[in-house]
Amino acid sequence: MKLICAQADLAHALATIRPAIAARPSHPILANVLLTAEAHSATLSGFDLALGISVAIEAQAAPVGRVALPYALLAPLVAKMPSDAVLTIQV
């Protein structure tokens, strides 16, 4: 899966779902963000067994797919990128 999106959009989406990412999860998967890539959009989702938040952003993906990425690694990396950058995530 290859996802192309604006850094500002991805950073805003990650900040929005932050309350739904467990700091000390009972299950390790709950420390991840679910990234679902469609042809012209991407959805980022977080869930901590009590709260779930999903945010859609404009993006391009080929092929479409779904992956769980560690929030604690992804969010700081995206935050360090220039706000006008176009990011490519390839899994």
PDB file of N, CA and C in Angstrom:
ATOM      1  N   MET A   1       0.844  -1.171   0.000  1.00  0.00           N
ATOM      2  CA  MET A   1       0.000   0.000   0.000  1.00  0.00           C
ATOM      3  C   MET A   1       0.890   1.235   0.000  1.00  0.00           C
ATOM      4  N   LYS A   2       0.554   2.186  -0.839  1.00  0.00           N
ATOM      5  CA  LYS A   2       1.258   3.458  -0.906  1.00  0.00           C
ATOM      6  C   LYS A   2       0.236   4.577  -0.771  1.00  0.00           C
ATOM      7  N   LEU A   3       0.445   5.448   0.214  1.00  0.00           N
ATOM      8  CA  LEU A   3      -0.489   6.536   0.511  1.00  0.00           C
ATOM      9  C   LEU A   3       0.238   7.857   0.346  1.00  0.00           C
ATOM     10  N   ILE A   4      -0.378   8.794  -0.369  1.00  0.00           N
ATOM     11  CA  ILE A   4       0.174  10.127  -0.570  1.00  0.00           C
ATOM     12  C   ILE A   4      -0.839  11.143  -0.038  1.00  0.00           C
ATOM     13  N   CYS A   5      -0.382  12.011   0.888  1.00  0.00           N
ATOM     14  CA  CYS A   5      -1.279  13.010   1.472  1.00  0.00           C
ATOM     15  C   CYS A   5      -0.475  14.211   1.950  1.00  0.00           C
ATOM     16  N   ALA A   6      -1.175  15.273   2.289  1.00  0.00           N
ATOM     17  CA  ALA A   6      -0.545  16.487   2.808  1.00  0.00           C
ATOM     18  C   ALA A   6      -0.194  16.299   4.280  1.00  0.00           C
ATOM     19  N   GLN A   7       0.961  16.808   4.689  1.00  0.00           N
ATOM     20  CA  GLN A   7       1.397  16.691   6.070  1.00  0.00           C
ATOM     21  C   GLN A   7       0.410  17.360   7.010  1.00  0.00           C
ATOM     22  N   ALA A   8      -0.093  18.523   6.637  1.00  0.00           N
ATOM     23  CA  ALA A   8      -1.022  19.255   7.500  1.00  0.00           C
ATOM     24  C   ALA A   8      -2.292  18.449   7.752  1.00  0.00           C
ATOM     25  N   ASP A   9      -2.804  17.790   6.724  1.00  0.00           N
ATOM     26  CA  ASP A   9      -4.015  16.978   6.878  1.00  0.00           C
ATOM     27  C   ASP A   9      -3.762  15.786   7.799  1.00  0.00           C
ATOM     28  N   LEU A  10      -2.635  15.112   7.580  1.00  0.00           N
ATOM     29  CA  LEU A  10      -2.316  13.932   8.387  1.00  0.00           C
ATOM     30  C   LEU A  10      -2.046  14.321   9.839  1.00  0.00           C
ATOM     31  N   ALA A  11      -1.318  15.405  10.058  1.00  0.00           N
ATOM     32  CA  ALA A  11      -1.034  15.863  11.423  1.00  0.00           C
ATOM     33  C   ALA A  11      -2.323  16.251  12.150  1.00  0.00           C
ATOM     34  N   HIS A  12      -3.229  16.920  11.465  1.00  0.00           N
ATOM     35  CA  HIS A  12      -4.503  17.303  12.080  1.00  0.00           C
ATOM     36  C   HIS A  12      -5.329  16.065  12.430  1.00  0.00           C
ATOM     37  N   ALA A  13      -5.367  15.086  11.540  1.00  0.00           N
ATOM     38  CA  ALA A  13      -6.115  13.856  11.796  1.00  0.00           C
ATOM     39  C   ALA A  13      -5.529  13.095  12.985  1.00  0.00           C
ATOM     40  N   LEU A  14      -4.201  13.016  13.056  1.00  0.00           N
ATOM     41  CA  LEU A  14      -3.562  12.332  14.182  1.00  0.00           C
ATOM     42  C   LEU A  14      -3.853  13.040  15.501  1.00  0.00           C
ATOM     43  N   ALA A  15      -3.830  14.368  15.491  1.00  0.00           N
ATOM     44  CA  ALA A  15      -4.144  15.126  16.707  1.00  0.00           C
ATOM     45  C   ALA A  15      -5.602  14.925  17.117  1.00  0.00           C
ATOM     46  N   THR A  16      -6.483  14.792  16.140  1.00  0.00           N
ATOM     47  CA  THR A  16      -7.907  14.615  16.424  1.00  0.00           C
ATOM     48  C   THR A  16      -8.195  13.265  17.072  1.00  0.00           C
ATOM     49  N   ILE A  17      -7.528  12.212  16.622  1.00  0.00           N
ATOM     50  CA  ILE A  17      -7.809  10.879  17.179  1.00  0.00           C
ATOM     51  C   ILE A  17      -7.011  10.586  18.445  1.00  0.00           C
ATOM     52  N   ARG A  18      -6.097  11.468  18.831  1.00  0.00           N
ATOM     53  CA  ARG A  18      -5.250  11.245  20.007  1.00  0.00           C
ATOM     54  C   ARG A  18      -6.025  10.846  21.260  1.00  0.00           C
ATOM     55  N   PRO A  19      -7.166  11.449  21.587  1.00  0.00           N
ATOM     56  CA  PRO A  19      -7.882  11.041  22.804  1.00  0.00           C
ATOM     57  C   PRO A  19      -8.354   9.587  22.787  1.00  0.00           C
ATOM     58  N   ALA A  20      -8.444   8.980  21.626  1.00  0.00           N
ATOM     59  CA  ALA A  20      -8.916   7.602  21.526  1.00  0.00           C
ATOM     60  C   ALA A  20      -7.772   6.590  21.475  1.00  0.00           C
ATOM     61  N   ILE A  21      -6.541   7.039  21.612  1.00  0.00           N
ATOM     62  CA  ILE A  21      -5.392   6.128  21.633  1.00  0.00           C
ATOM     63  C   ILE A  21      -5.001   5.903  23.091  1.00  0.00           C
ATOM     64  N   ALA A  22      -5.012   4.664  23.520  1.00  0.00           N
ATOM     65  CA  ALA A  22      -4.725   4.340  24.914  1.00  0.00           C
ATOM     66  C   ALA A  22      -3.250   4.557  25.232  1.00  0.00           C
ATOM     67  N   ALA A  23      -2.967   5.230  26.347  1.00  0.00           N
ATOM     68  CA  ALA A  23      -1.588   5.462  26.772  1.00  0.00           C
ATOM     69  C   ALA A  23      -0.961   4.164  27.287  1.00  0.00           C
ATOM     70  N   ARG A  24      -1.697   3.451  28.077  1.00  0.00           N
ATOM     71  CA  ARG A  24      -1.266   2.139  28.591  1.00  0.00           C
ATOM     72  C   ARG A  24      -2.365   1.135  28.262  1.00  0.00           C
ATOM     73  N   PRO A  25      -2.359   0.639  27.037  1.00  0.00           N
ATOM     74  CA  PRO A  25      -3.470  -0.205  26.596  1.00  0.00           C
ATOM     75  C   PRO A  25      -3.484  -1.594  27.243  1.00  0.00           C
ATOM     76  N   SER A  26      -4.675  -2.105  27.446  1.00  0.00           N
ATOM     77  CA  SER A  26      -4.819  -3.473  27.958  1.00  0.00           C
ATOM     78  C   SER A  26      -4.481  -4.491  26.864  1.00  0.00           C
ATOM     79  N   HIS A  27      -4.635  -4.092  25.620  1.00  0.00           N
ATOM     80  CA  HIS A  27      -4.277  -4.902  24.463  1.00  0.00           C
ATOM     81  C   HIS A  27      -3.321  -4.068  23.609  1.00  0.00           C
ATOM     82  N   PRO A  28      -2.177  -4.609  23.203  1.00  0.00           N
ATOM     83  CA  PRO A  28      -1.186  -3.824  22.457  1.00  0.00           C
ATOM     84  C   PRO A  28      -1.713  -3.152  21.180  1.00  0.00           C
ATOM     85  N   ILE A  29      -2.684  -3.749  20.519  1.00  0.00           N
ATOM     86  CA  ILE A  29      -3.210  -3.174  19.273  1.00  0.00           C
ATOM     87  C   ILE A  29      -3.877  -1.819  19.511  1.00  0.00           C
ATOM     88  N   LEU A  30      -4.322  -1.554  20.723  1.00  0.00           N
ATOM     89  CA  LEU A  30      -5.005  -0.297  21.031  1.00  0.00           C
ATOM     90  C   LEU A  30      -4.059   0.902  21.069  1.00  0.00           C
ATOM     91  N   ALA A  31      -2.751   0.662  20.996  1.00  0.00           N
ATOM     92  CA  ALA A  31      -1.774   1.757  20.936  1.00  0.00           C
ATOM     93  C   ALA A  31      -1.508   2.165  19.492  1.00  0.00           C
ATOM     94  N   ASN A  32      -2.235   1.571  18.555  1.00  0.00           N
ATOM     95  CA  ASN A  32      -2.031   1.825  17.129  1.00  0.00           C
ATOM     96  C   ASN A  32      -3.153   2.667  16.543  1.00  0.00           C
ATOM     97  N   VAL A  33      -2.848   3.282  15.423  1.00  0.00           N
ATOM     98  CA  VAL A  33      -3.845   3.983  14.623  1.00  0.00           C
ATOM     99  C   VAL A  33      -4.125   3.101  13.407  1.00  0.00           C
ATOM    100  N   LEU A  34      -5.392   2.901  13.093  1.00  0.00           N
ATOM    101  CA  LEU A  34      -5.774   2.127  11.917  1.00  0.00           C
ATOM    102  C   LEU A  34      -5.865   3.085  10.742  1.00  0.00           C
ATOM    103  N   LEU A  35      -5.052   2.846   9.744  1.00  0.00           N
ATOM    104  CA  LEU A  35      -5.009   3.679   8.544  1.00  0.00           C
ATOM    105  C   LEU A  35      -5.651   2.882   7.415  1.00  0.00           C
ATOM    106  N   THR A  36      -6.792   3.365   6.946  1.00  0.00           N
ATOM    107  CA  THR A  36      -7.518   2.716   5.855  1.00  0.00           C
ATOM    108  C   THR A  36      -7.411   3.610   4.634  1.00  0.00           C
ATOM    109  N   ALA A  37      -6.793   3.096   3.576  1.00  0.00           N
ATOM    110  CA  ALA A  37      -6.564   3.882   2.362  1.00  0.00           C
ATOM    111  C   ALA A  37      -7.533   3.459   1.270  1.00  0.00           C
ATOM    112  N   GLU A  38      -8.218   4.435   0.725  1.00  0.00           N
ATOM    113  CA  GLU A  38      -9.094   4.247  -0.432  1.00  0.00           C
ATOM    114  C   GLU A  38      -8.461   4.982  -1.606  1.00  0.00           C
ATOM    115  N   ALA A  39      -9.091   4.950  -2.760  1.00  0.00           N
ATOM    116  CA  ALA A  39      -8.521   5.564  -3.962  1.00  0.00           C
ATOM    117  C   ALA A  39      -8.271   7.067  -3.791  1.00  0.00           C
ATOM    118  N   HIS A  40      -9.223   7.807  -3.185  1.00  0.00           N
ATOM    119  CA  HIS A  40      -9.087   9.265  -3.085  1.00  0.00           C
ATOM    120  C   HIS A  40      -9.229   9.793  -1.663  1.00  0.00           C
ATOM    121  N   SER A  41      -9.129   8.913  -0.674  1.00  0.00           N
ATOM    122  CA  SER A  41      -9.218   9.354   0.713  1.00  0.00           C
ATOM    123  C   SER A  41      -8.547   8.327   1.623  1.00  0.00           C
ATOM    124  N   ALA A  42      -8.318   8.742   2.839  1.00  0.00           N
ATOM    125  CA  ALA A  42      -7.785   7.852   3.863  1.00  0.00           C
ATOM    126  C   ALA A  42      -8.540   8.125   5.150  1.00  0.00           C
ATOM    127  N   THR A  43      -8.749   7.090   5.929  1.00  0.00           N
ATOM    128  CA  THR A  43      -9.416   7.224   7.213  1.00  0.00           C
ATOM    129  C   THR A  43      -8.468   6.766   8.304  1.00  0.00           C
ATOM    130  N   LEU A  44      -8.296   7.602   9.323  1.00  0.00           N
ATOM    131  CA  LEU A  44      -7.489   7.257  10.482  1.00  0.00           C
ATOM    132  C   LEU A  44      -8.430   7.015  11.641  1.00  0.00           C
ATOM    133  N   SER A  45      -8.246   5.898  12.349  1.00  0.00           N
ATOM    134  CA  SER A  45      -9.140   5.529  13.437  1.00  0.00           C
ATOM    135  C   SER A  45      -8.348   5.147  14.676  1.00  0.00           C
ATOM    136  N   GLY A  46      -8.876   5.553  15.819  1.00  0.00           N
ATOM    137  CA  GLY A  46      -8.317   5.171  17.108  1.00  0.00           C
ATOM    138  C   GLY A  46      -9.440   4.664  17.990  1.00  0.00           C
ATOM    139  N   PHE A  47      -9.115   3.707  18.863  1.00  0.00           N
ATOM    140  CA  PHE A  47     -10.133   3.102  19.722  1.00  0.00           C
ATOM    141  C   PHE A  47      -9.466   2.625  21.007  1.00  0.00           C
ATOM    142  N   ASP A  48     -10.054   2.975  22.152  1.00  0.00           N
ATOM    143  CA  ASP A  48      -9.479   2.546  23.434  1.00  0.00           C
ATOM    144  C   ASP A  48     -10.455   1.744  24.294  1.00  0.00           C
ATOM    145  N   LEU A  49     -11.406   1.083  23.689  1.00  0.00           N
ATOM    146  CA  LEU A  49     -12.457   0.270  24.307  1.00  0.00           C
ATOM    147  C   LEU A  49     -13.563   1.103  24.947  1.00  0.00           C
ATOM    148  N   ALA A  50     -13.347   2.394  25.136  1.00  0.00           N
ATOM    149  CA  ALA A  50     -14.388   3.265  25.662  1.00  0.00           C
ATOM    150  C   ALA A  50     -14.750   4.357  24.664  1.00  0.00           C
ATOM    151  N   LEU A  51     -13.796   4.738  23.829  1.00  0.00           N
ATOM    152  CA  LEU A  51     -13.984   5.836  22.891  1.00  0.00           C
ATOM    153  C   LEU A  51     -13.369   5.463  21.550  1.00  0.00           C
ATOM    154  N   GLY A  52     -14.084   5.742  20.494  1.00  0.00           N
ATOM    155  CA  GLY A  52     -13.556   5.530  19.148  1.00  0.00           C
ATOM    156  C   GLY A  52     -13.705   6.797  18.329  1.00  0.00           C
ATOM    157  N   ILE A  53     -12.652   7.170  17.598  1.00  0.00           N
ATOM    158  CA  ILE A  53     -12.672   8.366  16.765  1.00  0.00           C
ATOM    159  C   ILE A  53     -12.102   8.005  15.399  1.00  0.00           C
ATOM    160  N   SER A  54     -12.792   8.441  14.346  1.00  0.00           N
ATOM    161  CA  SER A  54     -12.328   8.253  12.976  1.00  0.00           C
ATOM    162  C   SER A  54     -12.339   9.597  12.265  1.00  0.00           C
ATOM    163  N   VAL A  55     -11.316   9.829  11.456  1.00  0.00           N
ATOM    164  CA  VAL A  55     -11.205  11.075  10.696  1.00  0.00           C
ATOM    165  C   VAL A  55     -10.813  10.716   9.268  1.00  0.00           C
ATOM    166  N   ALA A  56     -11.505  11.317   8.301  1.00  0.00           N
ATOM    167  CA  ALA A  56     -11.178  11.102   6.885  1.00  0.00           C
ATOM    168  C   ALA A  56     -10.408  12.306   6.359  1.00  0.00           C
ATOM    169  N   ILE A  57      -9.393  12.033   5.529  1.00  0.00           N
ATOM    170  CA  ILE A  57      -8.605  13.084   4.900  1.00  0.00           C
ATOM    171  C   ILE A  57      -8.486  12.794   3.412  1.00  0.00           C
ATOM    172  N   GLU A  58      -8.156  13.829   2.649  1.00  0.00           N
ATOM    173  CA  GLU A  58      -7.902  13.642   1.218  1.00  0.00           C
ATOM    174  C   GLU A  58      -6.546  12.976   1.055  1.00  0.00           C
ATOM    175  N   ALA A  59      -6.509  11.958   0.221  1.00  0.00           N
ATOM    176  CA  ALA A  59      -5.264  11.238  -0.033  1.00  0.00           C
ATOM    177  C   ALA A  59      -5.428  10.406  -1.290  1.00  0.00           C
ATOM    178  N   GLN A  60      -4.316   9.938  -1.800  1.00  0.00           N
ATOM    179  CA  GLN A  60      -4.345   9.021  -2.938  1.00  0.00           C
ATOM    180  C   GLN A  60      -3.610   7.761  -2.519  1.00  0.00           C
ATOM    181  N   ALA A  61      -4.171   6.614  -2.877  1.00  0.00           N
ATOM    182  CA  ALA A  61      -3.561   5.348  -2.501  1.00  0.00           C
ATOM    183  C   ALA A  61      -3.616   4.373  -3.663  1.00  0.00           C
ATOM    184  N   ALA A  62      -2.585   3.570  -3.726  1.00  0.00           N
ATOM    185  CA  ALA A  62      -2.557   2.502  -4.719  1.00  0.00           C
ATOM    186  C   ALA A  62      -1.631   1.417  -4.200  1.00  0.00           C
ATOM    187  N   PRO A  63      -2.038   0.226  -4.056  1.00  0.00           N
ATOM    188  CA  PRO A  63      -3.430  -0.208  -4.053  1.00  0.00           C
ATOM    189  C   PRO A  63      -4.100   0.184  -2.736  1.00  0.00           C
ATOM    190  N   VAL A  64      -5.401   0.069  -2.688  1.00  0.00           N
ATOM    191  CA  VAL A  64      -6.127   0.377  -1.465  1.00  0.00           C
ATOM    192  C   VAL A  64      -5.769  -0.679  -0.426  1.00  0.00           C
ATOM    193  N   GLY A  65      -5.865  -0.310   0.841  1.00  0.00           N
ATOM    194  CA  GLY A  65      -5.524  -1.267   1.885  1.00  0.00           C
ATOM    195  C   GLY A  65      -5.757  -0.708   3.264  1.00  0.00           C
ATOM    196  N   ARG A  66      -5.335  -1.483   4.247  1.00  0.00           N
ATOM    197  CA  ARG A  66      -5.547  -1.128   5.650  1.00  0.00           C
ATOM    198  C   ARG A  66      -4.338  -1.613   6.442  1.00  0.00           C
ATOM    199  N   VAL A  67      -3.854  -0.775   7.358  1.00  0.00           N
ATOM    200  CA  VAL A  67      -2.698  -1.146   8.175  1.00  0.00           C
ATOM    201  C   VAL A  67      -2.817  -0.458   9.542  1.00  0.00           C
ATOM    202  N   ALA A  68      -2.337  -1.132  10.575  1.00  0.00           N
ATOM    203  CA  ALA A  68      -2.278  -0.548  11.920  1.00  0.00           C
ATOM    204  C   ALA A  68      -0.839  -0.124  12.177  1.00  0.00           C
ATOM    205  N   LEU A  69      -0.655   1.162  12.494  1.00  0.00           N
ATOM    206  CA  LEU A  69       0.682   1.713  12.740  1.00  0.00           C
ATOM    207  C   LEU A  69       0.755   2.260  14.159  1.00  0.00           C
ATOM    208  N   PRO A  70       1.901   2.115  14.824  1.00  0.00           N
ATOM    209  CA  PRO A  70       2.050   2.625  16.193  1.00  0.00           C
ATOM    210  C   PRO A  70       1.900   4.146  16.238  1.00  0.00           C
ATOM    211  N   TYR A  71       0.937   4.610  17.007  1.00  0.00           N
ATOM    212  CA  TYR A  71       0.691   6.040  17.125  1.00  0.00           C
ATOM    213  C   TYR A  71       1.919   6.755  17.687  1.00  0.00           C
ATOM    214  N   ALA A  72       2.561   6.160  18.678  1.00  0.00           N
ATOM    215  CA  ALA A  72       3.703   6.792  19.347  1.00  0.00           C
ATOM    216  C   ALA A  72       4.888   6.999  18.404  1.00  0.00           C
ATOM    217  N   LEU A  73       4.979   6.260  17.332  1.00  0.00           N
ATOM    218  CA  LEU A  73       6.043   6.455  16.346  1.00  0.00           C
ATOM    219  C   LEU A  73       5.598   7.350  15.198  1.00  0.00           C
ATOM    220  N   LEU A  74       4.364   7.163  14.745  1.00  0.00           N
ATOM    221  CA  LEU A  74       3.874   7.899  13.578  1.00  0.00           C
ATOM    222  C   LEU A  74       3.650   9.377  13.861  1.00  0.00           C
ATOM    223  N   ALA A  75       2.977   9.701  14.937  1.00  0.00           N
ATOM    224  CA  ALA A  75       2.624  11.098  15.231  1.00  0.00           C
ATOM    225  C   ALA A  75       3.841  12.018  15.352  1.00  0.00           C
ATOM    226  N   PRO A  76       4.893  11.643  16.101  1.00  0.00           N
ATOM    227  CA  PRO A  76       6.062  12.533  16.176  1.00  0.00           C
ATOM    228  C   PRO A  76       6.790  12.692  14.835  1.00  0.00           C
ATOM    229  N   LEU A  77       6.842  11.644  14.039  1.00  0.00           N
ATOM    230  CA  LEU A  77       7.482  11.742  12.728  1.00  0.00           C
ATOM    231  C   LEU A  77       6.748  12.714  11.822  1.00  0.00           C
ATOM    232  N   VAL A  78       5.425  12.616  11.808  1.00  0.00           N
ATOM    233  CA  VAL A  78       4.620  13.509  10.973  1.00  0.00           C
ATOM    234  C   VAL A  78       4.744  14.943  11.471  1.00  0.00           C
ATOM    235  N   ALA A  79       4.781  15.132  12.775  1.00  0.00           N
ATOM    236  CA  ALA A  79       4.876  16.479  13.347  1.00  0.00           C
ATOM    237  C   ALA A  79       6.193  17.169  12.991  1.00  0.00           C
ATOM    238  N   LYS A  80       7.269  16.399  12.784  1.00  0.00           N
ATOM    239  CA  LYS A  80       8.576  16.984  12.472  1.00  0.00           C
ATOM    240  C   LYS A  80       8.717  17.393  11.008  1.00  0.00           C
ATOM    241  N   MET A  81       7.824  16.938  10.162  1.00  0.00           N
ATOM    242  CA  MET A  81       7.888  17.274   8.745  1.00  0.00           C
ATOM    243  C   MET A  81       7.379  18.696   8.514  1.00  0.00           C
ATOM    244  N   PRO A  82       7.849  19.366   7.457  1.00  0.00           N
ATOM    245  CA  PRO A  82       7.344  20.714   7.144  1.00  0.00           C
ATOM    246  C   PRO A  82       5.832  20.672   6.873  1.00  0.00           C
ATOM    247  N   SER A  83       5.124  21.705   7.309  1.00  0.00           N
ATOM    248  CA  SER A  83       3.659  21.704   7.193  1.00  0.00           C
ATOM    249  C   SER A  83       3.169  21.779   5.757  1.00  0.00           C
ATOM    250  N   ASP A  84       4.019  22.185   4.818  1.00  0.00           N
ATOM    251  CA  ASP A  84       3.599  22.250   3.428  1.00  0.00           C
ATOM    252  C   ASP A  84       4.061  21.037   2.618  1.00  0.00           C
ATOM    253  N   ALA A  85       4.589  20.032   3.315  1.00  0.00           N
ATOM    254  CA  ALA A  85       5.130  18.839   2.633  1.00  0.00           C
ATOM    255  C   ALA A  85       4.027  17.890   2.189  1.00  0.00           C
ATOM    256  N   VAL A  86       4.326  17.153   1.154  1.00  0.00           N
ATOM    257  CA  VAL A  86       3.461  16.065   0.699  1.00  0.00           C
ATOM    258  C   VAL A  86       4.148  14.778   1.150  1.00  0.00           C
ATOM    259  N   LEU A  87       3.451  13.993   1.950  1.00  0.00           N
ATOM    260  CA  LEU A  87       4.039  12.782   2.532  1.00  0.00           C
ATOM    261  C   LEU A  87       3.630  11.542   1.769  1.00  0.00           C
ATOM    262  N   THR A  88       4.533  10.602   1.683  1.00  0.00           N
ATOM    263  CA  THR A  88       4.258   9.300   1.099  1.00  0.00           C
ATOM    264  C   THR A  88       4.536   8.242   2.148  1.00  0.00           C
ATOM    265  N   ILE A  89       3.527   7.445   2.443  1.00  0.00           N
ATOM    266  CA  ILE A  89       3.663   6.325   3.379  1.00  0.00           C
ATOM    267  C   ILE A  89       3.521   5.057   2.562  1.00  0.00           C
ATOM    268  N   GLN A  90       4.543   4.229   2.622  1.00  0.00           N
ATOM    269  CA  GLN A  90       4.503   2.983   1.845  1.00  0.00           C
ATOM    270  C   GLN A  90       4.699   1.820   2.813  1.00  0.00           C
ATOM    271  N   VAL A  91       3.752   0.891   2.761  1.00  0.00           N
ATOM    272  CA  VAL A  91       3.798  -0.280   3.627  1.00  0.00           C
ATOM    273  C   VAL A  91       3.804  -1.514   2.756  1.00  0.00           C
TER     274      VAL A  91
END
